PDB file of N, CA and C in Angstrom:
ATOM      1  N   UNK A   1      63.778 -13.107 -25.847  1.00  0.00           N
ATOM      2  CA  UNK A   1      64.590 -11.879 -25.577  1.00  0.00           C
ATOM      3  C   UNK A   1      63.933 -11.115 -24.482  1.00  0.00           C
ATOM      4  N   UNK A   2      64.662 -10.175 -23.849  1.00  0.00           N
ATOM      5  CA  UNK A   2      64.175  -9.374 -22.749  1.00  0.00           C
ATOM      6  C   UNK A   2      62.945  -8.440 -23.267  1.00  0.00           C
ATOM      7  N   UNK A   3      63.004  -8.121 -24.514  1.00  0.00           N
ATOM      8  CA  UNK A   3      61.976  -7.217 -25.050  1.00  0.00           C
ATOM      9  C   UNK A   3      60.693  -7.984 -25.552  1.00  0.00           C
ATOM     10  N   UNK A   4      60.631  -9.276 -25.149  1.00  0.00           N
ATOM     11  CA  UNK A   4      59.390 -10.055 -25.474  1.00  0.00           C
ATOM     12  C   UNK A   4      59.502 -10.804 -26.797  1.00  0.00           C
ATOM     13  N   UNK A   5      60.446 -10.557 -27.578  1.00  0.00           N
ATOM     14  CA  UNK A   5      60.572 -11.218 -28.910  1.00  0.00           C
ATOM     15  C   UNK A   5      60.931 -12.633 -28.617  1.00  0.00           C
ATOM     16  N   UNK A   6      60.418 -13.526 -29.450  1.00  0.00           N
ATOM     17  CA  UNK A   6      60.670 -14.902 -29.431  1.00  0.00           C
ATOM     18  C   UNK A   6      61.441 -15.337 -30.637  1.00  0.00           C
ATOM     19  N   UNK A   7      62.695 -15.901 -30.424  1.00  0.00           N
ATOM     20  CA  UNK A   7      63.442 -16.428 -31.530  1.00  0.00           C
ATOM     21  C   UNK A   7      63.627 -17.822 -31.273  1.00  0.00           C
ATOM     22  N   UNK A   8      63.502 -18.704 -32.362  1.00  0.00           N
ATOM     23  CA  UNK A   8      63.769 -20.076 -32.153  1.00  0.00           C
ATOM     24  C   UNK A   8      64.610 -20.672 -33.365  1.00  0.00           C
ATOM     25  N   UNK A   9      65.161 -21.836 -33.090  1.00  0.00           N
ATOM     26  CA  UNK A   9      65.969 -22.520 -34.158  1.00  0.00           C
ATOM     27  C   UNK A   9      67.279 -22.873 -33.602  1.00  0.00           C
ATOM     28  N   UNK A  10      68.181 -23.135 -34.473  1.00  0.00           N
ATOM     29  CA  UNK A  10      69.591 -23.347 -34.054  1.00  0.00           C
ATOM     30  C   UNK A  10      70.130 -22.099 -33.564  1.00  0.00           C
ATOM     31  N   UNK A  11      71.348 -22.215 -32.892  1.00  0.00           N
ATOM     32  CA  UNK A  11      71.960 -21.021 -32.400  1.00  0.00           C
ATOM     33  C   UNK A  11      72.317 -20.087 -33.573  1.00  0.00           C
ATOM     34  N   UNK A  12      72.705 -20.579 -34.784  1.00  0.00           N
ATOM     35  CA  UNK A  12      72.936 -19.709 -35.888  1.00  0.00           C
ATOM     36  C   UNK A  12      71.699 -19.033 -36.392  1.00  0.00           C
ATOM     37  N   UNK A  13      70.587 -19.686 -36.381  1.00  0.00           N
ATOM     38  CA  UNK A  13      69.283 -19.105 -36.785  1.00  0.00           C
ATOM     39  C   UNK A  13      68.827 -17.994 -35.796  1.00  0.00           C
ATOM     40  N   UNK A  14      69.088 -18.300 -34.492  1.00  0.00           N
ATOM     41  CA  UNK A  14      68.647 -17.262 -33.511  1.00  0.00           C
ATOM     42  C   UNK A  14      69.518 -16.033 -33.654  1.00  0.00           C
ATOM     43  N   UNK A  15      70.827 -16.189 -33.850  1.00  0.00           N
ATOM     44  CA  UNK A  15      71.724 -15.054 -33.945  1.00  0.00           C
ATOM     45  C   UNK A  15      71.405 -14.309 -35.259  1.00  0.00           C
ATOM     46  N   UNK A  16      71.227 -14.996 -36.219  1.00  0.00           N
ATOM     47  CA  UNK A  16      70.812 -14.315 -37.557  1.00  0.00           C
ATOM     48  C   UNK A  16      69.464 -13.579 -37.362  1.00  0.00           C
ATOM     49  N   UNK A  17      68.553 -14.187 -36.690  1.00  0.00           N
ATOM     50  CA  UNK A  17      67.247 -13.476 -36.388  1.00  0.00           C
ATOM     51  C   UNK A  17      67.536 -12.165 -35.618  1.00  0.00           C
ATOM     52  N   UNK A  18      68.425 -12.234 -34.588  1.00  0.00           N
ATOM     53  CA  UNK A  18      68.816 -10.989 -33.889  1.00  0.00           C
ATOM     54  C   UNK A  18      69.371  -9.999 -34.806  1.00  0.00           C
ATOM     55  N   UNK A  19      70.246 -10.428 -35.700  1.00  0.00           N
ATOM     56  CA  UNK A  19      70.857  -9.507 -36.600  1.00  0.00           C
ATOM     57  C   UNK A  19      69.955  -8.856 -37.571  1.00  0.00           C
ATOM     58  N   UNK A  20      68.915  -9.636 -37.939  1.00  0.00           N
ATOM     59  CA  UNK A  20      67.895  -9.195 -38.884  1.00  0.00           C
ATOM     60  C   UNK A  20      67.084  -7.960 -38.295  1.00  0.00           C
ATOM     61  N   UNK A  21      66.980  -7.882 -36.953  1.00  0.00           N
ATOM     62  CA  UNK A  21      66.156  -6.834 -36.399  1.00  0.00           C
ATOM     63  C   UNK A  21      67.018  -5.711 -35.770  1.00  0.00           C
ATOM     64  N   UNK A  22      68.317  -5.901 -35.871  1.00  0.00           N
ATOM     65  CA  UNK A  22      69.274  -4.846 -35.373  1.00  0.00           C
ATOM     66  C   UNK A  22      69.473  -3.868 -36.513  1.00  0.00           C
ATOM     67  N   UNK A  23      69.813  -2.641 -36.061  1.00  0.00           N
ATOM     68  CA  UNK A  23      70.024  -1.592 -37.119  1.00  0.00           C
ATOM     69  C   UNK A  23      71.575  -1.390 -37.428  1.00  0.00           C
ATOM     70  N   UNK A  24      71.860  -1.232 -38.705  1.00  0.00           N
ATOM     71  CA  UNK A  24      73.156  -0.909 -39.174  1.00  0.00           C
ATOM     72  C   UNK A  24      74.131  -2.059 -39.213  1.00  0.00           C
ATOM     73  N   UNK A  25      73.752  -3.301 -38.999  1.00  0.00           N
ATOM     74  CA  UNK A  25      74.658  -4.445 -38.913  1.00  0.00           C
ATOM     75  C   UNK A  25      74.328  -5.492 -39.959  1.00  0.00           C
ATOM     76  N   UNK A  26      73.423  -5.186 -40.864  1.00  0.00           N
ATOM     77  CA  UNK A  26      73.002  -6.273 -41.739  1.00  0.00           C
ATOM     78  C   UNK A  26      74.080  -6.777 -42.732  1.00  0.00           C
ATOM     79  N   UNK A  27      75.120  -5.985 -42.858  1.00  0.00           N
ATOM     80  CA  UNK A  27      76.189  -6.442 -43.783  1.00  0.00           C
ATOM     81  C   UNK A  27      77.352  -7.059 -43.097  1.00  0.00           C
ATOM     82  N   UNK A  28      77.331  -7.122 -41.760  1.00  0.00           N
ATOM     83  CA  UNK A  28      78.451  -7.688 -41.040  1.00  0.00           C
ATOM     84  C   UNK A  28      78.353  -9.295 -41.244  1.00  0.00           C
ATOM     85  N   UNK A  29      79.542  -9.872 -41.370  1.00  0.00           N
ATOM     86  CA  UNK A  29      79.550 -11.346 -41.254  1.00  0.00           C
ATOM     87  C   UNK A  29      79.076 -11.741 -39.861  1.00  0.00           C
ATOM     88  N   UNK A  30      78.511 -12.970 -39.786  1.00  0.00           N
ATOM     89  CA  UNK A  30      78.040 -13.426 -38.529  1.00  0.00           C
ATOM     90  C   UNK A  30      78.891 -13.287 -37.351  1.00  0.00           C
ATOM     91  N   UNK A  31      80.155 -13.746 -37.523  1.00  0.00           N
ATOM     92  CA  UNK A  31      81.107 -13.697 -36.505  1.00  0.00           C
ATOM     93  C   UNK A  31      81.435 -12.254 -36.011  1.00  0.00           C
ATOM     94  N   UNK A  32      81.487 -11.347 -36.901  1.00  0.00           N
ATOM     95  CA  UNK A  32      81.700  -9.935 -36.554  1.00  0.00           C
ATOM     96  C   UNK A  32      80.358  -9.336 -35.832  1.00  0.00           C
ATOM     97  N   UNK A  33      79.321  -9.864 -36.312  1.00  0.00           N
ATOM     98  CA  UNK A  33      78.010  -9.382 -35.583  1.00  0.00           C
ATOM     99  C   UNK A  33      77.993  -9.907 -34.112  1.00  0.00           C
ATOM    100  N   UNK A  34      78.515 -11.060 -33.852  1.00  0.00           N
ATOM    101  CA  UNK A  34      78.558 -11.600 -32.529  1.00  0.00           C
ATOM    102  C   UNK A  34      79.477 -10.690 -31.749  1.00  0.00           C
ATOM    103  N   UNK A  35      80.675 -10.379 -32.264  1.00  0.00           N
ATOM    104  CA  UNK A  35      81.622  -9.495 -31.577  1.00  0.00           C
ATOM    105  C   UNK A  35      80.943  -8.100 -31.311  1.00  0.00           C
ATOM    106  N   UNK A  36      80.111  -7.640 -32.244  1.00  0.00           N
ATOM    107  CA  UNK A  36      79.359  -6.392 -31.979  1.00  0.00           C
ATOM    108  C   UNK A  36      78.447  -6.508 -30.862  1.00  0.00           C
ATOM    109  N   UNK A  37      77.760  -7.580 -30.725  1.00  0.00           N
ATOM    110  CA  UNK A  37      76.701  -7.840 -29.639  1.00  0.00           C
ATOM    111  C   UNK A  37      77.486  -7.897 -28.338  1.00  0.00           C
ATOM    112  N   UNK A  38      78.629  -8.589 -28.269  1.00  0.00           N
ATOM    113  CA  UNK A  38      79.446  -8.634 -27.081  1.00  0.00           C
ATOM    114  C   UNK A  38      79.881  -7.240 -26.680  1.00  0.00           C
ATOM    115  N   UNK A  39      80.390  -6.445 -27.587  1.00  0.00           N
ATOM    116  CA  UNK A  39      80.782  -5.101 -27.223  1.00  0.00           C
ATOM    117  C   UNK A  39      79.580  -4.231 -26.677  1.00  0.00           C
ATOM    118  N   UNK A  40      78.536  -4.345 -27.314  1.00  0.00           N
ATOM    119  CA  UNK A  40      77.361  -3.498 -26.949  1.00  0.00           C
ATOM    120  C   UNK A  40      76.661  -4.021 -25.589  1.00  0.00           C
ATOM    121  N   UNK A  41      76.880  -5.243 -25.329  1.00  0.00           N
ATOM    122  CA  UNK A  41      76.338  -5.775 -24.059  1.00  0.00           C
ATOM    123  C   UNK A  41      77.099  -5.253 -22.866  1.00  0.00           C
ATOM    124  N   UNK A  42      78.467  -5.115 -23.193  1.00  0.00           N
ATOM    125  CA  UNK A  42      79.330  -4.526 -22.130  1.00  0.00           C
ATOM    126  C   UNK A  42      79.093  -3.015 -22.030  1.00  0.00           C
ATOM    127  N   UNK A  43      78.999  -2.363 -23.159  1.00  0.00           N
ATOM    128  CA  UNK A  43      78.791  -0.897 -23.184  1.00  0.00           C
ATOM    129  C   UNK A  43      77.522  -0.470 -22.670  1.00  0.00           C
ATOM    130  N   UNK A  44      76.430  -1.080 -22.986  1.00  0.00           N
ATOM    131  CA  UNK A  44      75.056  -0.600 -22.639  1.00  0.00           C
ATOM    132  C   UNK A  44      74.510  -1.351 -21.393  1.00  0.00           C
ATOM    133  N   UNK A  45      74.863  -2.616 -21.225  1.00  0.00           N
ATOM    134  CA  UNK A  45      74.259  -3.308 -20.110  1.00  0.00           C
ATOM    135  C   UNK A  45      75.302  -3.676 -18.978  1.00  0.00           C
ATOM    136  N   UNK A  46      76.610  -3.285 -19.176  1.00  0.00           N
ATOM    137  CA  UNK A  46      77.591  -3.661 -18.239  1.00  0.00           C
ATOM    138  C   UNK A  46      77.739  -5.152 -18.003  1.00  0.00           C
ATOM    139  N   UNK A  47      77.417  -5.941 -19.089  1.00  0.00           N
ATOM    140  CA  UNK A  47      77.505  -7.345 -18.969  1.00  0.00           C
ATOM    141  C   UNK A  47      78.652  -7.936 -19.892  1.00  0.00           C
ATOM    142  N   UNK A  48      79.559  -8.654 -19.285  1.00  0.00           N
ATOM    143  CA  UNK A  48      80.653  -9.218 -20.001  1.00  0.00           C
ATOM    144  C   UNK A  48      80.306 -10.610 -20.477  1.00  0.00           C
ATOM    145  N   UNK A  49      80.003 -10.720 -21.729  1.00  0.00           N
ATOM    146  CA  UNK A  49      79.658 -12.033 -22.333  1.00  0.00           C
ATOM    147  C   UNK A  49      80.984 -12.752 -22.747  1.00  0.00           C
ATOM    148  N   UNK A  50      81.109 -13.863 -22.257  1.00  0.00           N
ATOM    149  CA  UNK A  50      82.321 -14.595 -22.461  1.00  0.00           C
ATOM    150  C   UNK A  50      82.141 -15.593 -23.679  1.00  0.00           C
ATOM    151  N   UNK A  51      82.054 -15.015 -24.823  1.00  0.00           N
ATOM    152  CA  UNK A  51      81.840 -15.763 -26.094  1.00  0.00           C
ATOM    153  C   UNK A  51      83.194 -16.411 -26.518  1.00  0.00           C
ATOM    154  N   UNK A  52      83.154 -17.666 -26.878  1.00  0.00           N
ATOM    155  CA  UNK A  52      84.307 -18.311 -27.361  1.00  0.00           C
ATOM    156  C   UNK A  52      83.940 -19.086 -28.647  1.00  0.00           C
ATOM    157  N   UNK A  53      85.043 -19.440 -29.325  1.00  0.00           N
ATOM    158  CA  UNK A  53      84.789 -20.180 -30.565  1.00  0.00           C
ATOM    159  C   UNK A  53      85.556 -19.668 -31.773  1.00  0.00           C
ATOM    160  N   UNK A  54      85.813 -20.445 -32.718  1.00  0.00           N
ATOM    161  CA  UNK A  54      86.516 -20.008 -33.835  1.00  0.00           C
ATOM    162  C   UNK A  54      85.571 -19.946 -35.084  1.00  0.00           C
ATOM    163  N   UNK A  55      84.608 -20.761 -35.142  1.00  0.00           N
ATOM    164  CA  UNK A  55      83.633 -20.744 -36.335  1.00  0.00           C
ATOM    165  C   UNK A  55      82.334 -19.918 -35.998  1.00  0.00           C
ATOM    166  N   UNK A  56      81.661 -19.551 -36.959  1.00  0.00           N
ATOM    167  CA  UNK A  56      80.402 -18.771 -36.694  1.00  0.00           C
ATOM    168  C   UNK A  56      79.464 -19.689 -35.881  1.00  0.00           C
ATOM    169  N   UNK A  57      79.436 -20.951 -36.082  1.00  0.00           N
ATOM    170  CA  UNK A  57      78.557 -21.807 -35.380  1.00  0.00           C
ATOM    171  C   UNK A  57      78.830 -21.833 -33.895  1.00  0.00           C
ATOM    172  N   UNK A  58      80.212 -22.011 -33.669  1.00  0.00           N
ATOM    173  CA  UNK A  58      80.639 -22.042 -32.239  1.00  0.00           C
ATOM    174  C   UNK A  58      80.420 -20.681 -31.538  1.00  0.00           C
ATOM    175  N   UNK A  59      80.645 -19.580 -32.215  1.00  0.00           N
ATOM    176  CA  UNK A  59      80.441 -18.218 -31.697  1.00  0.00           C
ATOM    177  C   UNK A  59      79.034 -18.044 -31.420  1.00  0.00           C
ATOM    178  N   UNK A  60      78.224 -18.434 -32.359  1.00  0.00           N
ATOM    179  CA  UNK A  60      76.686 -18.277 -32.162  1.00  0.00           C
ATOM    180  C   UNK A  60      76.199 -19.034 -31.011  1.00  0.00           C
ATOM    181  N   UNK A  61      76.602 -20.291 -30.817  1.00  0.00           N
ATOM    182  CA  UNK A  61      76.191 -21.183 -29.697  1.00  0.00           C
ATOM    183  C   UNK A  61      76.656 -20.587 -28.424  1.00  0.00           C
ATOM    184  N   UNK A  62      77.924 -20.061 -28.418  1.00  0.00           N
ATOM    185  CA  UNK A  62      78.456 -19.493 -27.160  1.00  0.00           C
ATOM    186  C   UNK A  62      77.701 -18.240 -26.800  1.00  0.00           C
ATOM    187  N   UNK A  63      77.325 -17.350 -27.816  1.00  0.00           N
ATOM    188  CA  UNK A  63      76.565 -16.171 -27.535  1.00  0.00           C
ATOM    189  C   UNK A  63      75.248 -16.525 -26.894  1.00  0.00           C
ATOM    190  N   UNK A  64      74.533 -17.436 -27.587  1.00  0.00           N
ATOM    191  CA  UNK A  64      73.251 -17.818 -27.010  1.00  0.00           C
ATOM    192  C   UNK A  64      73.326 -18.310 -25.570  1.00  0.00           C
ATOM    193  N   UNK A  65      74.272 -19.174 -25.324  1.00  0.00           N
ATOM    194  CA  UNK A  65      74.567 -19.670 -23.929  1.00  0.00           C
ATOM    195  C   UNK A  65      74.894 -18.441 -22.924  1.00  0.00           C
ATOM    196  N   UNK A  66      75.587 -17.514 -23.403  1.00  0.00           N
ATOM    197  CA  UNK A  66      76.019 -16.373 -22.516  1.00  0.00           C
ATOM    198  C   UNK A  66      74.762 -15.505 -22.295  1.00  0.00           C
ATOM    199  N   UNK A  67      73.961 -15.385 -23.296  1.00  0.00           N
ATOM    200  CA  UNK A  67      72.780 -14.481 -23.191  1.00  0.00           C
ATOM    201  C   UNK A  67      71.828 -15.185 -22.109  1.00  0.00           C
ATOM    202  N   UNK A  68      71.722 -16.434 -22.240  1.00  0.00           N
ATOM    203  CA  UNK A  68      70.870 -17.149 -21.248  1.00  0.00           C
ATOM    204  C   UNK A  68      71.485 -17.113 -19.803  1.00  0.00           C
ATOM    205  N   UNK A  69      72.798 -17.256 -19.739  1.00  0.00           N
ATOM    206  CA  UNK A  69      73.477 -17.186 -18.430  1.00  0.00           C
ATOM    207  C   UNK A  69      73.291 -15.859 -17.758  1.00  0.00           C
ATOM    208  N   UNK A  70      73.308 -14.782 -18.500  1.00  0.00           N
ATOM    209  CA  UNK A  70      73.274 -13.348 -17.968  1.00  0.00           C
ATOM    210  C   UNK A  70      71.957 -12.879 -17.860  1.00  0.00           C
ATOM    211  N   UNK A  71      70.942 -13.564 -18.418  1.00  0.00           N
ATOM    212  CA  UNK A  71      69.577 -13.015 -18.343  1.00  0.00           C
ATOM    213  C   UNK A  71      69.132 -12.185 -19.470  1.00  0.00           C
ATOM    214  N   UNK A  72      70.038 -12.025 -20.497  1.00  0.00           N
ATOM    215  CA  UNK A  72      69.640 -11.173 -21.620  1.00  0.00           C
ATOM    216  C   UNK A  72      68.563 -11.927 -22.477  1.00  0.00           C
ATOM    217  N   UNK A  73      68.477 -13.264 -22.269  1.00  0.00           N
ATOM    218  CA  UNK A  73      67.444 -14.074 -22.985  1.00  0.00           C
ATOM    219  C   UNK A  73      67.040 -15.185 -21.977  1.00  0.00           C
ATOM    220  N   UNK A  74      65.878 -15.751 -22.196  1.00  0.00           N
ATOM    221  CA  UNK A  74      65.321 -16.830 -21.391  1.00  0.00           C
ATOM    222  C   UNK A  74      64.786 -17.863 -22.358  1.00  0.00           C
ATOM    223  N   UNK A  75      64.697 -19.060 -21.861  1.00  0.00           N
ATOM    224  CA  UNK A  75      64.098 -20.219 -22.570  1.00  0.00           C
ATOM    225  C   UNK A  75      62.599 -20.241 -22.306  1.00  0.00           C
ATOM    226  N   UNK A  76      61.816 -20.584 -23.266  1.00  0.00           N
ATOM    227  CA  UNK A  76      60.423 -20.784 -23.074  1.00  0.00           C
ATOM    228  C   UNK A  76      60.034 -22.206 -23.298  1.00  0.00           C
TER     229      UNK A  76
END
């Protein structure tokens, strides 16, 4: 992550790890959390994350891909 944190695993594991360290979203279902991240990326970073998918797994994978594409995250 841009703040230096390292998350690893499947896309779902990475997104759940992000959710674990976020404030006030611990009770959101994973798909809703992804939507929250997308909204906040636009609001605070002016980045439009093009997340697609119907299932939590698809949305999580799409979110990770978009975060890599936009520079919100990098691979190590």
